[in-house]
C-alpha atoms as a PDB file:
ATOM      1  CA  MET A   1      70.587 166.841 246.581  1.00  0.00           C
ATOM      2  CA  LYS A   2      67.701 165.861 248.995  1.00  0.00           C
ATOM      3  CA  ASN A   3      68.066 161.950 250.122  1.00  0.00           C
ATOM      4  CA  SER A   4      64.562 161.304 248.029  1.00  0.00           C
ATOM      5  CA  THR A   5      66.462 162.588 244.793  1.00  0.00           C
ATOM      6  CA  ASN A   6      69.516 160.656 245.769  1.00  0.00           C
ATOM      7  CA  GLN A   7      67.619 157.405 246.055  1.00  0.00           C
ATOM      8  CA  LEU A   8      65.446 157.754 242.993  1.00  0.00           C
ATOM      9  CA  ILE A   9      68.608 158.244 240.679  1.00  0.00           C
ATOM     10  CA  THR A  10      70.506 155.363 242.701  1.00  0.00           C
ATOM     11  CA  ILE A  11      67.768 152.537 241.827  1.00  0.00           C
ATOM     12  CA  LEU A  12      67.287 154.124 238.141  1.00  0.00           C
ATOM     13  CA  MET A  13      70.969 153.653 237.753  1.00  0.00           C
ATOM     14  CA  TYR A  14      70.922 150.252 239.151  1.00  0.00           C
ATOM     15  CA  LEU A  15      67.694 149.251 236.768  1.00  0.00           C
ATOM     16  CA  ALA A  16      69.606 150.721 233.981  1.00  0.00           C
ATOM     17  CA  LEU A  17      72.487 148.616 234.276  1.00  0.00           C
ATOM     18  CA  ILE A  18      70.732 145.715 234.161  1.00  0.00           C
ATOM     19  CA  LEU A  19      68.732 146.692 231.833  1.00  0.00           C
ATOM     20  CA  LEU A  20      71.865 147.467 229.654  1.00  0.00           C
ATOM     21  CA  GLY A  21      72.933 143.999 229.666  1.00  0.00           C
ATOM     22  CA  THR A  22      69.565 143.023 228.492  1.00  0.00           C
ATOM     23  CA  GLY A  23      70.031 145.699 225.673  1.00  0.00           C
ATOM     24  CA  LEU A  24      73.185 144.485 224.385  1.00  0.00           C
ATOM     25  CA  SER A  25      71.988 140.549 224.010  1.00  0.00           C
ATOM     26  CA  MET A  26      68.786 141.538 222.113  1.00  0.00           C
ATOM     27  CA  ALA A  27      71.114 143.578 220.080  1.00  0.00           C
ATOM     28  CA  SER A  28      73.485 140.818 219.804  1.00  0.00           C
ATOM     29  CA  VAL A  29      76.428 142.122 221.075  1.00  0.00           C
ATOM     30  CA  THR A  30      78.592 139.366 222.796  1.00  0.00           C
ATOM     31  CA  GLY A  31      82.622 138.446 223.694  1.00  0.00           C
ATOM     32  CA  HIS A  32      84.458 141.428 224.380  1.00  0.00           C
ATOM     33  CA  ILE A  33      82.554 144.186 223.422  1.00  0.00           C
ATOM     34  CA  TYR A  34      79.584 143.245 225.629  1.00  0.00           C
ATOM     35  CA  PHE A  35      81.701 142.145 228.900  1.00  0.00           C
ATOM     36  CA  ALA A  36      83.516 145.341 228.530  1.00  0.00           C
ATOM     37  CA  ILE A  37      80.614 147.624 228.535  1.00  0.00           C
ATOM     38  CA  GLU A  38      78.818 146.090 230.958  1.00  0.00           C
ATOM     39  CA  THR A  39      82.557 146.482 233.129  1.00  0.00           C
ATOM     40  CA  ILE A  40      82.861 150.152 232.165  1.00  0.00           C
ATOM     41  CA  ALA A  41      79.215 150.928 232.894  1.00  0.00           C
ATOM     42  CA  ALA A  42      79.548 149.407 236.139  1.00  0.00           C
ATOM     43  CA  VAL A  43      82.363 151.115 237.351  1.00  0.00           C
ATOM     44  CA  LEU A  44      80.686 154.702 236.142  1.00  0.00           C
ATOM     45  CA  ALA A  45      77.653 153.924 237.960  1.00  0.00           C
ATOM     46  CA  THR A  46      79.349 152.488 241.292  1.00  0.00           C
ATOM     47  CA  GLY A  47      81.339 155.631 241.557  1.00  0.00           C
ATOM     48  CA  ILE A  48      78.526 157.740 240.984  1.00  0.00           C
ATOM     49  CA  MET A  49      76.479 155.627 243.739  1.00  0.00           C
ATOM     50  CA  ILE A  50      79.514 156.354 246.050  1.00  0.00           C
ATOM     51  CA  TYR A  51      79.186 160.220 245.474  1.00  0.00           C
ATOM     52  CA  LEU A  52      75.150 160.659 246.056  1.00  0.00           C
ATOM     53  CA  VAL A  53      75.880 158.370 249.284  1.00  0.00           C
ATOM     54  CA  HIS A  54      79.163 161.383 250.418  1.00  0.00           C
ATOM     55  CA  GLU A  55      76.658 163.842 248.880  1.00  0.00           C
ATOM     56  CA  ASN A  56      73.774 163.227 251.241  1.00  0.00           C
ATOM     57  CA  GLY A  57      76.306 162.231 254.555  1.00  0.00           C
ATOM     58  CA  ALA A  58      74.452 160.088 256.948  1.00  0.00           C
ATOM     59  CA  ASN A  59      70.938 158.757 257.224  1.00  0.00           C
ATOM     60  CA  ASP A  60      69.685 157.630 260.312  1.00  0.00           C
ATOM     61  CA  VAL A  61      71.209 154.379 260.739  1.00  0.00           C
ATOM     62  CA  GLU A  62      74.710 155.329 259.785  1.00  0.00           C
ATOM     63  CA  SER A  63      76.702 157.117 262.250  1.00  0.00           C
ATOM     64  CA  GLU A  64      78.844 160.089 261.257  1.00  0.00           C
ATOM     65  CA  LYS A  65      81.763 159.328 262.837  1.00  0.00           C
ATOM     66  CA  PHE A  66      84.146 156.478 261.428  1.00  0.00           C
ATOM     67  CA  ASP A  67      85.491 153.996 263.710  1.00  0.00           C
ATOM     68  CA  TYR A  68      88.565 152.199 262.454  1.00  0.00           C
ATOM     69  CA  ARG A  69      88.194 149.544 265.007  1.00  0.00           C
ATOM     70  CA  LYS A  70      84.694 148.962 264.716  1.00  0.00           C
ATOM     71  CA  ALA A  71      84.780 149.431 260.757  1.00  0.00           C
ATOM     72  CA  ILE A  72      87.687 146.456 260.698  1.00  0.00           C
ATOM     73  CA  THR A  73      85.733 144.411 263.427  1.00  0.00           C
ATOM     74  CA  TRP A  74      82.327 144.100 261.796  1.00  0.00           C
ATOM     75  CA  THR A  75      84.156 143.489 258.335  1.00  0.00           C
ATOM     76  CA  LEU A  76      85.343 140.570 259.480  1.00  0.00           C
ATOM     77  CA  ILE A  77      82.394 139.380 261.778  1.00  0.00           C
ATOM     78  CA  GLY A  78      80.316 140.447 258.161  1.00  0.00           C
ATOM     79  CA  ALA A  79      82.649 138.541 255.851  1.00  0.00           C
ATOM     80  CA  ILE A  80      83.288 135.023 258.391  1.00  0.00           C
ATOM     81  CA  GLY A  81      79.182 135.452 259.083  1.00  0.00           C
ATOM     82  CA  ALA A  82      78.364 135.285 255.223  1.00  0.00           C
ATOM     83  CA  ILE A  83      80.868 132.683 254.211  1.00  0.00           C
ATOM     84  CA  VAL A  84      79.411 130.233 257.110  1.00  0.00           C
ATOM     85  CA  ILE A  85      75.716 131.137 255.887  1.00  0.00           C
ATOM     86  CA  GLN A  86      76.679 130.345 252.098  1.00  0.00           C
ATOM     87  CA  TYR A  87      78.949 127.017 252.454  1.00  0.00           C
ATOM     88  CA  GLY A  88      77.025 125.933 256.231  1.00  0.00           C
ATOM     89  CA  LEU A  89      73.145 125.968 254.164  1.00  0.00           C
ATOM     90  CA  GLY A  90      75.169 124.325 251.127  1.00  0.00           C
ATOM     91  CA  ALA A  91      76.117 121.540 252.819  1.00  0.00           C
ATOM     92  CA  ILE A  92      72.218 121.338 254.408  1.00  0.00           C
ATOM     93  CA  GLU A  93      71.303 121.372 251.020  1.00  0.00           C
ATOM     94  CA  GLY A  94      73.569 118.503 250.304  1.00  0.00           C
ATOM     95  CA  LEU A  95      72.508 116.304 253.241  1.00  0.00           C
ATOM     96  CA  LEU A  96      68.765 117.192 251.994  1.00  0.00           C
ATOM     97  CA  HIS A  97      69.732 116.406 248.551  1.00  0.00           C
ATOM     98  CA  VAL A  98      68.633 119.664 247.169  1.00  0.00           C
ATOM     99  CA  GLN A  99      70.184 121.433 244.529  1.00  0.00           C
ATOM    100  CA  THR A 100      72.977 122.673 245.511  1.00  0.00           C
ATOM    101  CA  SER A 101      74.605 124.621 242.523  1.00  0.00           C
ATOM    102  CA  SER A 102      73.950 128.096 241.863  1.00  0.00           C
ATOM    103  CA  GLN A 103      73.610 128.799 237.964  1.00  0.00           C
ATOM    104  CA  ASN A 104      73.726 132.555 239.382  1.00  0.00           C
ATOM    105  CA  THR A 105      77.396 132.002 240.364  1.00  0.00           C
ATOM    106  CA  LEU A 106      78.426 129.187 237.727  1.00  0.00           C
ATOM    107  CA  THR A 107      77.465 131.897 234.614  1.00  0.00           C
ATOM    108  CA  LEU A 108      79.901 134.359 236.767  1.00  0.00           C
ATOM    109  CA  LEU A 109      82.651 131.754 236.781  1.00  0.00           C
ATOM    110  CA  THR A 110      82.184 131.156 233.268  1.00  0.00           C
ATOM    111  CA  SER A 111      82.051 134.788 232.001  1.00  0.00           C
ATOM    112  CA  VAL A 112      85.255 136.064 234.598  1.00  0.00           C
ATOM    113  CA  LYS A 113      87.106 133.326 232.942  1.00  0.00           C
ATOM    114  CA  GLY A 114      86.599 133.996 229.314  1.00  0.00           C
ATOM    115  CA  TYR A 115      87.016 137.771 230.068  1.00  0.00           C
ATOM    116  CA  PRO A 116      89.132 138.360 233.446  1.00  0.00           C
ATOM    117  CA  TYR A 117      88.609 141.867 233.265  1.00  0.00           C
ATOM    118  CA  TYR A 118      85.114 141.248 234.028  1.00  0.00           C
ATOM    119  CA  LEU A 119      86.106 140.684 237.885  1.00  0.00           C
ATOM    120  CA  VAL A 120      86.382 144.142 238.820  1.00  0.00           C
ATOM    121  CA  TYR A 121      82.436 144.125 237.917  1.00  0.00           C
ATOM    122  CA  VAL A 122      82.079 140.718 240.100  1.00  0.00           C
ATOM    123  CA  LEU A 123      84.012 141.354 242.901  1.00  0.00           C
ATOM    124  CA  ILE A 124      84.002 145.269 243.696  1.00  0.00           C
ATOM    125  CA  CYS A 125      81.099 146.885 241.595  1.00  0.00           C
ATOM    126  CA  ALA A 126      78.533 144.638 242.192  1.00  0.00           C
ATOM    127  CA  PRO A 127      78.915 144.230 245.776  1.00  0.00           C
ATOM    128  CA  ILE A 128      78.969 147.808 246.346  1.00  0.00           C
ATOM    129  CA  MET A 129      76.281 148.782 244.787  1.00  0.00           C
ATOM    130  CA  GLU A 130      74.197 145.823 245.967  1.00  0.00           C
ATOM    131  CA  GLU A 131      74.892 147.056 249.474  1.00  0.00           C
ATOM    132  CA  ILE A 132      74.051 150.993 248.889  1.00  0.00           C
ATOM    133  CA  ILE A 133      70.463 149.444 246.721  1.00  0.00           C
ATOM    134  CA  PHE A 134      69.431 146.598 249.237  1.00  0.00           C
ATOM    135  CA  ARG A 135      70.849 148.012 252.514  1.00  0.00           C
ATOM    136  CA  ARG A 136      71.018 151.572 252.284  1.00  0.00           C
ATOM    137  CA  VAL A 137      68.322 152.527 250.264  1.00  0.00           C
ATOM    138  CA  PHE A 138      65.669 150.111 250.830  1.00  0.00           C
ATOM    139  CA  PHE A 139      66.555 148.639 254.434  1.00  0.00           C
ATOM    140  CA  ALA A 140      67.390 151.954 255.986  1.00  0.00           C
ATOM    141  CA  SER A 141      64.548 153.804 254.522  1.00  0.00           C
ATOM    142  CA  LEU A 142      61.952 151.258 255.602  1.00  0.00           C
ATOM    143  CA  ILE A 143      62.809 151.219 259.435  1.00  0.00           C
ATOM    144  CA  LYS A 144      60.717 154.058 260.015  1.00  0.00           C
ATOM    145  CA  PRO A 145      57.548 153.110 257.952  1.00  0.00           C
ATOM    146  CA  THR A 146      57.493 149.791 259.423  1.00  0.00           C
ATOM    147  CA  ASN A 147      60.196 148.468 261.525  1.00  0.00           C
ATOM    148  CA  ILE A 148      63.602 147.101 261.643  1.00  0.00           C
ATOM    149  CA  TYR A 149      62.497 143.342 261.278  1.00  0.00           C
ATOM    150  CA  TRP A 150      60.299 143.920 258.296  1.00  0.00           C
ATOM    151  CA  ALA A 151      62.644 146.177 256.533  1.00  0.00           C
ATOM    152  CA  ALA A 152      65.427 143.647 257.211  1.00  0.00           C
ATOM    153  CA  ILE A 153      62.520 140.949 255.962  1.00  0.00           C
ATOM    154  CA  ILE A 154      61.682 143.161 252.357  1.00  0.00           C
ATOM    155  CA  SER A 155      65.200 144.029 251.348  1.00  0.00           C
ATOM    156  CA  SER A 156      66.616 140.596 251.879  1.00  0.00           C
ATOM    157  CA  LEU A 157      63.563 139.368 249.668  1.00  0.00           C
ATOM    158  CA  LEU A 158      64.097 142.070 247.013  1.00  0.00           C
ATOM    159  CA  PHE A 159      67.995 141.201 247.248  1.00  0.00           C
ATOM    160  CA  ALA A 160      67.330 137.391 246.651  1.00  0.00           C
ATOM    161  CA  PHE A 161      64.694 138.320 243.865  1.00  0.00           C
ATOM    162  CA  MET A 162      66.988 140.068 241.663  1.00  0.00           C
ATOM    163  CA  HIS A 163      69.514 137.727 241.708  1.00  0.00           C
ATOM    164  CA  GLN A 164      66.868 135.129 239.787  1.00  0.00           C
ATOM    165  CA  ASP A 165      68.905 132.086 241.133  1.00  0.00           C
ATOM    166  CA  THR A 166      67.605 128.726 242.050  1.00  0.00           C
ATOM    167  CA  ARG A 167      69.171 129.606 245.699  1.00  0.00           C
ATOM    168  CA  PHE A 168      66.894 131.945 246.429  1.00  0.00           C
ATOM    169  CA  ILE A 169      66.388 131.010 250.334  1.00  0.00           C
ATOM    170  CA  ILE A 170      69.787 131.188 250.708  1.00  0.00           C
ATOM    171  CA  TYR A 171      70.239 134.542 249.089  1.00  0.00           C
ATOM    172  CA  ALA A 172      67.424 135.721 251.119  1.00  0.00           C
ATOM    173  CA  ILE A 173      69.265 134.672 254.467  1.00  0.00           C
ATOM    174  CA  MET A 174      72.319 136.396 253.212  1.00  0.00           C
ATOM    175  CA  GLY A 175      70.474 139.491 252.353  1.00  0.00           C
ATOM    176  CA  ALA A 176      69.379 139.592 255.964  1.00  0.00           C
ATOM    177  CA  TRP A 177      72.776 139.226 257.418  1.00  0.00           C
ATOM    178  CA  PHE A 178      74.118 142.263 255.384  1.00  0.00           C
ATOM    179  CA  CYS A 179      71.353 144.092 256.971  1.00  0.00           C
ATOM    180  CA  PHE A 180      72.616 142.873 260.425  1.00  0.00           C
ATOM    181  CA  VAL A 181      76.041 144.225 259.720  1.00  0.00           C
ATOM    182  CA  TYR A 182      74.993 147.141 258.347  1.00  0.00           C
ATOM    183  CA  TYR A 183      73.190 148.235 261.179  1.00  0.00           C
ATOM    184  CA  ARG A 184      75.320 147.048 264.095  1.00  0.00           C
ATOM    185  CA  SER A 185      78.369 148.441 262.240  1.00  0.00           C
ATOM    186  CA  LYS A 186      76.528 151.956 261.059  1.00  0.00           C
ATOM    187  CA  ASN A 187      78.602 152.028 258.078  1.00  0.00           C
ATOM    188  CA  ILE A 188      77.570 151.056 254.448  1.00  0.00           C
ATOM    189  CA  TYR A 189      81.033 150.451 253.460  1.00  0.00           C
ATOM    190  CA  VAL A 190      81.805 147.749 256.487  1.00  0.00           C
ATOM    191  CA  SER A 191      78.735 145.570 254.760  1.00  0.00           C
ATOM    192  CA  ALA A 192      80.190 146.311 251.167  1.00  0.00           C
ATOM    193  CA  ALA A 193      83.740 145.209 252.338  1.00  0.00           C
ATOM    194  CA  SER A 194      82.150 142.131 254.410  1.00  0.00           C
ATOM    195  CA  HIS A 195      80.248 141.396 250.854  1.00  0.00           C
ATOM    196  CA  ILE A 196      83.297 141.516 248.399  1.00  0.00           C
ATOM    197  CA  ILE A 197      85.427 139.445 251.031  1.00  0.00           C
ATOM    198  CA  MET A 198      82.827 136.872 250.734  1.00  0.00           C
ATOM    199  CA  ASN A 199      82.292 137.180 246.853  1.00  0.00           C
ATOM    200  CA  GLY A 200      86.236 136.612 246.700  1.00  0.00           C
ATOM    201  CA  VAL A 201      86.164 133.437 248.936  1.00  0.00           C
ATOM    202  CA  VAL A 202      83.494 132.139 247.028  1.00  0.00           C
ATOM    203  CA  LEU A 203      85.382 132.717 244.025  1.00  0.00           C
ATOM    204  CA  ALA A 204      88.806 131.798 244.699  1.00  0.00           C
ATOM    205  CA  LEU A 205      87.252 128.379 246.111  1.00  0.00           C
ATOM    206  CA  ALA A 206      85.539 127.843 242.912  1.00  0.00           C
ATOM    207  CA  PHE A 207      88.447 128.418 240.690  1.00  0.00           C
ATOM    208  CA  ALA A 208      90.810 126.592 242.782  1.00  0.00           C
END
């Protein structure tokens, strides 16, 4: 399968998953049925995206040889950096008396509390899909036609926009950080693992 076809399918699947939630809401589907359908669809979409990544092989950013030490090192650097960015910028917002709560995070917390299995979507599927979409598809593909800086800016702005949250700048900076982690580690699963760990820490602290 050609890389362009791979990317198109990946993007369409991501958009379809977003539209699924909208469609279910418009059809007045709520409660366990809504969250069960969303979770199952996310697991299937994530599995297919991972399959397409392996089907296409390494791109220009990625290394074909897997280095365990490098992967572990950059996973930890990525996770720690993301957590510092998240809470560091949040602290700055607090000092400036700017809105510090994320509506997106609050909504997810409420959903997970009511439907614990939805954590699979929030904690695992979403980070993996977002890394494949915004880092592997957009960032990696935009480097050649533009440059690494514009590629990071465009993909990070798209990442922030898709979250539809008041903390747009924080999401954009976070997106740029994960671009950096992906580019330096040369492995999409390293940035995904960092993203998962960050989400896990944020959720754990929110529940504490």
